[in-house]
Protein backbone atom coordinates (compact mmCIF):
# COMPACT_ATOMS: atom_id res chain seq x y z
CA MET A 1 -0.06 -0.07 -0.08
CA LYS A 2 2.90 2.48 0.84
CA LYS A 3 4.50 1.75 -2.53
CA ILE A 4 1.17 2.57 -4.21
CA LEU A 5 1.03 6.14 -2.36
CA ILE A 6 4.87 6.71 -3.28
CA VAL A 7 4.00 6.03 -7.03
CA ALA A 8 1.00 8.33 -6.73
CA GLY A 9 2.81 11.20 -5.06
CA SER A 10 5.68 10.80 -7.60
CA ALA A 11 3.23 10.93 -10.50
CA THR A 12 1.73 14.16 -8.86
CA LEU A 13 5.09 15.85 -8.59
CA VAL A 14 6.06 14.97 -12.21
CA PHE A 15 2.75 16.41 -13.42
CA GLY A 16 3.60 19.58 -11.46
CA LEU A 17 6.86 20.08 -13.02
CA VAL A 18 5.67 19.16 -16.57
CA LEU A 19 2.89 21.82 -16.04
CA ALA A 20 5.05 24.49 -14.86
CA GLY A 21 7.39 24.07 -17.84
CA CYS A 22 4.39 24.03 -20.22
CA LYS A 23 2.78 27.24 -19.06
CA GLY A 24 2.31 29.95 -21.64
CA ARG A 25 2.33 27.21 -24.32
CA ALA A 26 -1.04 27.21 -26.15
CA GLU A 27 0.28 24.49 -28.39
CA ASP A 28 0.84 22.27 -25.38
CA GLN A 29 -2.68 22.52 -23.82
CA ALA A 30 -3.81 19.21 -25.39
CA GLU A 31 -0.74 17.51 -24.00
CA ILE A 32 -1.42 18.96 -20.63
CA GLN A 33 -5.20 17.87 -20.84
CA ARG A 34 -3.90 14.44 -21.65
CA LEU A 35 -1.58 14.39 -18.69
CA GLN A 36 -4.28 15.54 -16.31
CA THR A 37 -6.56 12.64 -17.44
CA GLU A 38 -3.68 10.03 -16.99
CA LEU A 39 -3.01 11.60 -13.71
CA THR A 40 -6.62 11.25 -12.76
CA ASN A 41 -6.78 7.56 -13.93
CA ALA A 42 -3.62 7.04 -12.02
CA LYS A 43 -5.07 8.43 -8.92
CA THR A 44 -8.15 6.36 -9.24
CA ALA A 45 -6.12 3.06 -9.90
CA ALA A 46 -3.89 3.90 -6.99
CA GLN A 47 -7.06 4.35 -4.66
CA THR A 48 -8.68 1.20 -6.09
CA ALA A 49 -5.42 -0.79 -5.38
CA ALA A 50 -5.18 0.75 -1.95
CA ASN A 51 -8.78 -0.31 -1.26
CA LYS A 52 -8.32 -3.91 -2.71
CA ALA A 53 -5.01 -4.04 -0.55
CA SER A 54 -6.83 -2.97 2.67
CA LYS A 55 -9.64 -5.60 1.91
CA GLU A 56 -7.08 -8.30 1.42
CA ARG A 57 -5.33 -7.35 4.55
CA GLU A 58 -8.61 -7.43 6.46
CA GLU A 59 -9.29 -10.98 5.05
CA LEU A 60 -5.88 -12.24 5.93
CA MET A 61 -6.30 -10.74 9.29
CA ALA A 62 -9.52 -12.73 9.75
CA GLN A 63 -8.12 -15.93 8.41
CA LEU A 64 -5.15 -15.51 10.85
CA LYS A 65 -7.59 -15.15 13.76
CA THR A 66 -9.57 -18.17 12.57
CA ARG A 67 -6.32 -20.25 12.37
CA THR A 68 -5.28 -19.03 15.65
CA GLN A 69 -8.58 -20.12 17.32
CA GLU A 70 -8.31 -23.44 15.60
CA ARG A 71 -4.88 -23.87 16.80
CA ASP A 72 -5.98 -23.13 20.36
CA THR A 73 -8.89 -25.57 20.05
CA LEU A 74 -6.44 -28.23 18.86
CA GLN A 75 -3.95 -27.62 21.57
CA LYS A 76 -6.93 -27.98 24.16
CA GLN A 77 -7.89 -31.10 22.56
CA LEU A 78 -4.30 -32.47 22.56
CA ASN A 79 -3.92 -31.62 26.24
CA ASP A 80 -7.13 -33.26 27.06
CA LEU A 81 -5.91 -36.40 25.28
CA GLN A 82 -2.71 -36.33 27.13
CA GLY A 83 -4.46 -36.07 30.49
CA GLN A 84 -7.09 -38.65 29.70
CA GLY A 85 -5.30 -41.01 27.41
CA ALA A 86 -4.86 -44.79 27.92
CA SER A 87 -1.71 -46.03 29.23
CA ARG A 88 0.65 -48.25 26.83
CA GLU A 89 -0.35 -51.33 28.96
CA GLN A 90 -4.12 -50.58 28.34
CA LEU A 91 -3.47 -49.97 24.67
CA GLN A 92 -1.59 -53.44 24.37
CA GLN A 93 -4.54 -55.00 26.15
CA GLN A 94 -7.03 -53.72 23.85
CA VAL A 95 -4.90 -54.82 20.81
CA THR A 96 -4.86 -58.27 22.51
CA GLU A 97 -8.56 -58.35 22.91
CA LEU A 98 -8.94 -57.27 19.33
CA THR A 99 -6.67 -59.93 18.09
CA GLY A 100 -8.62 -62.49 20.05
CA GLU A 101 -11.96 -61.22 18.43
CA ARG A 102 -10.36 -61.38 15.01
CA GLN A 103 -9.31 -64.95 15.43
CA GLN A 104 -12.83 -65.90 16.62
CA LEU A 105 -14.32 -64.23 13.64
CA GLN A 106 -11.74 -66.13 11.37
CA LYS A 107 -12.86 -69.31 13.08
CA GLN A 108 -16.51 -68.46 12.56
CA LEU A 109 -15.85 -67.64 8.77
CA ALA A 110 -14.07 -70.89 8.40
CA ASP A 111 -17.08 -72.59 9.88
CA ALA A 112 -19.40 -70.77 7.81
CA THR A 113 -17.39 -71.59 4.73
CA GLY A 114 -17.58 -75.23 5.69
CA GLU A 115 -21.23 -75.21 6.02
CA GLN A 116 -21.47 -73.37 2.65
CA LYS A 117 -19.64 -76.09 1.03
CA THR A 118 -21.72 -78.85 2.56
CA LEU A 119 -25.00 -77.01 1.58
CA GLN A 120 -23.52 -76.50 -1.97
CA GLN A 121 -22.97 -80.35 -1.99
CA LYS A 122 -26.48 -80.88 -0.90
CA LEU A 123 -27.69 -78.56 -3.40
CA THR A 124 -25.83 -80.44 -6.13
CA GLU A 125 -27.32 -83.77 -4.92
CA ALA A 126 -30.67 -82.30 -4.75
CA THR A 127 -30.36 -80.95 -8.36
CA ASN A 128 -29.15 -84.25 -9.56
CA ALA A 129 -32.09 -85.88 -7.77
CA LYS A 130 -34.44 -83.46 -9.45
CA ASP A 131 -33.05 -84.18 -12.81
CA ALA A 132 -33.39 -87.93 -12.39
CA LEU A 133 -36.94 -87.44 -11.20
CA GLN A 134 -37.70 -85.21 -14.08
CA LYS A 135 -36.20 -87.93 -16.41
CA GLN A 136 -38.60 -90.42 -14.84
CA VAL A 137 -41.57 -87.96 -15.19
CA ASP A 138 -40.78 -87.50 -18.87
CA THR A 139 -40.54 -91.29 -19.24
CA LEU A 140 -43.81 -91.56 -17.54
CA ASP A 141 -45.28 -88.88 -19.62
CA ASN A 142 -44.30 -90.66 -22.80
CA SER A 143 -45.54 -93.96 -21.29
CA ARG A 144 -48.92 -92.29 -20.41
CA GLU A 145 -49.08 -90.71 -23.95
CA THR A 146 -48.50 -94.28 -25.30
CA ALA A 147 -50.89 -95.81 -23.15
CA ALA A 148 -53.53 -93.12 -23.90
CA ALA A 149 -52.91 -93.83 -27.64
CA GLU A 150 -53.37 -97.50 -26.99
CA ALA A 151 -56.48 -96.88 -25.13
CA LYS A 152 -57.88 -94.64 -27.82
CA ALA A 153 -57.26 -97.43 -30.26
CA ALA A 154 -58.77 -99.93 -28.05
CA GLN A 155 -61.90 -97.59 -27.43
CA ALA A 156 -62.16 -97.33 -31.25
CA LYS A 157 -62.00 -101.03 -31.64
CA VAL A 158 -64.70 -101.47 -28.75
CA GLU A 159 -66.87 -98.94 -30.62
CA GLU A 160 -66.54 -100.88 -33.74
CA LEU A 161 -67.20 -104.24 -32.06
CA THR A 162 -70.24 -102.56 -30.34
CA ALA A 163 -71.58 -101.50 -33.50
CA LYS A 164 -71.12 -104.90 -35.09
CA LEU A 165 -72.65 -106.43 -32.02
CA GLN A 166 -75.60 -104.18 -32.20
CA THR A 167 -76.16 -105.00 -35.91
CA ALA A 168 -75.89 -108.62 -35.08
CA THR A 169 -78.46 -108.26 -32.24
CA GLU A 170 -80.90 -106.57 -34.63
CA LYS A 171 -80.50 -109.10 -37.21
CA ALA A 172 -81.26 -111.76 -34.58
CA GLY A 173 -84.47 -109.92 -33.47
CA ASP A 174 -85.56 -109.67 -37.12
CA LEU A 175 -85.06 -113.41 -37.59
CA GLU A 176 -86.75 -114.23 -34.39
CA GLU A 177 -89.76 -112.09 -35.65
CA GLN A 178 -89.74 -113.76 -39.06
CA LEU A 179 -89.95 -117.14 -37.33
CA GLN A 180 -92.74 -116.13 -35.04
CA ALA A 181 -94.69 -114.84 -38.00
CA ALA A 182 -94.04 -117.94 -40.02
CA GLY A 183 -95.31 -120.15 -37.06
CA VAL A 184 -98.54 -118.24 -36.58
CA GLY A 185 -101.84 -120.26 -37.77
CA SER A 186 -99.82 -123.64 -38.63
CA ASN A 187 -100.06 -125.56 -35.62
CA GLU A 188 -100.32 -128.87 -37.28
CA GLY A 189 -97.08 -130.81 -37.07
CA VAL A 190 -95.34 -128.12 -35.06
CA ASP A 191 -94.51 -128.80 -31.48
CA ALA A 192 -95.66 -125.94 -28.89
CA PRO A 193 -92.61 -123.95 -27.88
CA ALA A 194 -91.29 -124.60 -24.46
CA ILE A 195 -92.31 -121.99 -21.88
CA GLN A 196 -89.05 -120.40 -20.62
CA ALA A 197 -88.80 -119.04 -17.01
CA ILE A 198 -88.34 -115.28 -16.87
CA GLU A 199 -85.02 -114.44 -15.24
CA SER A 200 -83.52 -111.10 -13.91
CA PRO A 201 -81.61 -109.17 -16.61
CA ILE A 202 -77.99 -110.23 -17.17
CA ILE A 203 -75.29 -107.39 -17.26
CA HIS A 204 -72.70 -108.86 -19.28
CA SER A 205 -70.19 -106.01 -18.98
CA PHE A 206 -70.14 -102.44 -17.77
CA THR A 207 -66.60 -100.90 -18.29
CA THR A 208 -64.77 -97.51 -18.53
CA THR A 209 -61.81 -96.85 -20.63
CA ARG A 210 -60.03 -94.48 -18.16
CA PRO A 211 -60.91 -95.03 -14.44
CA GLN A 212 -58.79 -92.08 -13.48
CA ILE A 213 -58.81 -88.75 -15.45
CA GLY A 214 -57.61 -85.19 -15.04
CA PRO A 215 -59.77 -82.04 -15.13
CA GLY A 216 -61.36 -81.61 -18.34
CA GLN A 217 -60.25 -85.02 -19.68
CA LYS A 218 -62.97 -87.58 -20.82
CA SER A 219 -63.56 -91.38 -20.33
CA THR A 220 -65.99 -93.81 -22.21
CA LEU A 221 -68.50 -96.22 -20.62
CA SER A 222 -69.32 -99.37 -22.45
CA TRP A 223 -72.16 -101.95 -21.54
CA TRP A 224 -73.81 -105.00 -22.75
CA VAL A 225 -77.04 -106.21 -21.23
CA THR A 226 -79.51 -109.09 -22.04
CA GLY A 227 -83.09 -109.90 -20.97
CA ALA A 228 -83.78 -106.23 -19.96
CA ASP A 229 -86.97 -104.26 -20.72
CA SER A 230 -85.20 -101.06 -19.77
CA VAL A 231 -81.74 -99.90 -19.01
CA ARG A 232 -80.50 -96.70 -17.16
CA ILE A 233 -77.21 -95.09 -16.21
CA GLU A 234 -77.06 -92.59 -13.50
CA PRO A 235 -76.17 -90.01 -12.92
CA TYR A 236 -76.28 -87.67 -15.82
CA VAL A 237 -76.79 -90.35 -18.55
CA GLY A 238 -80.45 -91.67 -18.33
CA PRO A 239 -82.10 -94.39 -20.35
CA VAL A 240 -79.81 -96.24 -22.88
CA GLY A 241 -80.02 -99.36 -24.86
CA VAL A 242 -79.13 -102.77 -23.99
CA LEU A 243 -75.83 -102.45 -25.82
CA GLY A 244 -73.61 -99.21 -26.46
CA SER A 245 -71.21 -96.75 -25.16
CA ARG A 246 -71.01 -93.25 -23.96
CA THR A 247 -68.27 -90.66 -23.69
CA ILE A 248 -68.39 -88.44 -20.58
CA ALA A 249 -66.38 -85.84 -18.81
CA PRO A 250 -67.14 -85.46 -15.18
CA THR A 251 -65.98 -82.61 -13.37
CA LYS A 252 -65.32 -84.51 -9.91
CA THR A 253 -65.06 -88.02 -9.00
CA THR A 254 -68.33 -90.04 -9.72
CA THR A 255 -69.71 -93.41 -9.32
CA TYR A 256 -72.01 -94.43 -12.28
CA THR A 257 -74.67 -97.13 -11.73
CA LEU A 258 -76.25 -99.31 -14.59
CA THR A 259 -79.51 -100.67 -13.65
CA ALA A 260 -81.22 -103.23 -15.95
CA ILE A 261 -85.04 -103.90 -15.34
CA ASN A 262 -87.56 -106.49 -16.47
CA GLU A 263 -90.52 -108.18 -14.98
CA LYS A 264 -88.54 -110.61 -12.83
CA GLY A 265 -86.59 -107.67 -11.17
CA GLN A 266 -83.45 -105.69 -11.71
CA SER A 267 -79.69 -105.95 -11.89
CA THR A 268 -77.13 -103.31 -11.16
CA VAL A 269 -73.42 -102.66 -11.68
CA THR A 270 -71.33 -99.53 -10.68
CA ARG A 271 -68.32 -98.08 -12.08
CA ARG A 272 -66.23 -95.33 -10.47
CA ILE A 273 -64.31 -92.69 -12.35
CA GLU A 274 -61.72 -90.61 -10.15
CA VAL A 275 -61.09 -86.77 -11.25
CA GLN A 276 -57.55 -86.07 -9.84
């Protein structure tokens, strides 16, 4: 700051000398004006520099004060630590305790690592068992599909044989009617037919293609009855012929009962279809 004031004073003195030497010269008035302007600018710059230097000095003083306070605070903390700090033996004991805890943690880590390896081995074994079971399931699925195909083919064969049997039964009925018609009014030389005792209906068969099905799947009931005036299947089916088949799709486990009735009495058979 002092240097700036000295420079400003020197500039003022030089300007005075130049001004004195230039008096009376009209031609030098422009130069004098320029020098005055430069002097004014120099004063302004000097004042600005002085203000800036003063501000910087105040900031440095504030920082110095802050650093001094921080130093005093640190010194106080250091004194407190020196007065209250643990002895070397205490620190050594703490180090020993920490070392023991570290060893215990290392042992626990080793145990946990061993358990992890054991669990990993068990997981591998379980995965292998799962793969083996999945392979068995795939084999069973293939077998089930094969069995289903065979059952379907068997059902088609049963339906074909049932149709043939129905046709044969109808033909036998037609022949019996023809024989009875031919025998009416011609009793000479013809022995009277033997009177047969009426017996209860005979249920020759009542089967199902799939006694166990899943939701939405179907099964087929097939039956063959002789000597019946009426045949019913309950529930949900109702009256049926003495020979036939019916495809059903129960939504829950159901026991189906076939009942054949004539003058002598009735016969019944049941079949159960489980819905799994």
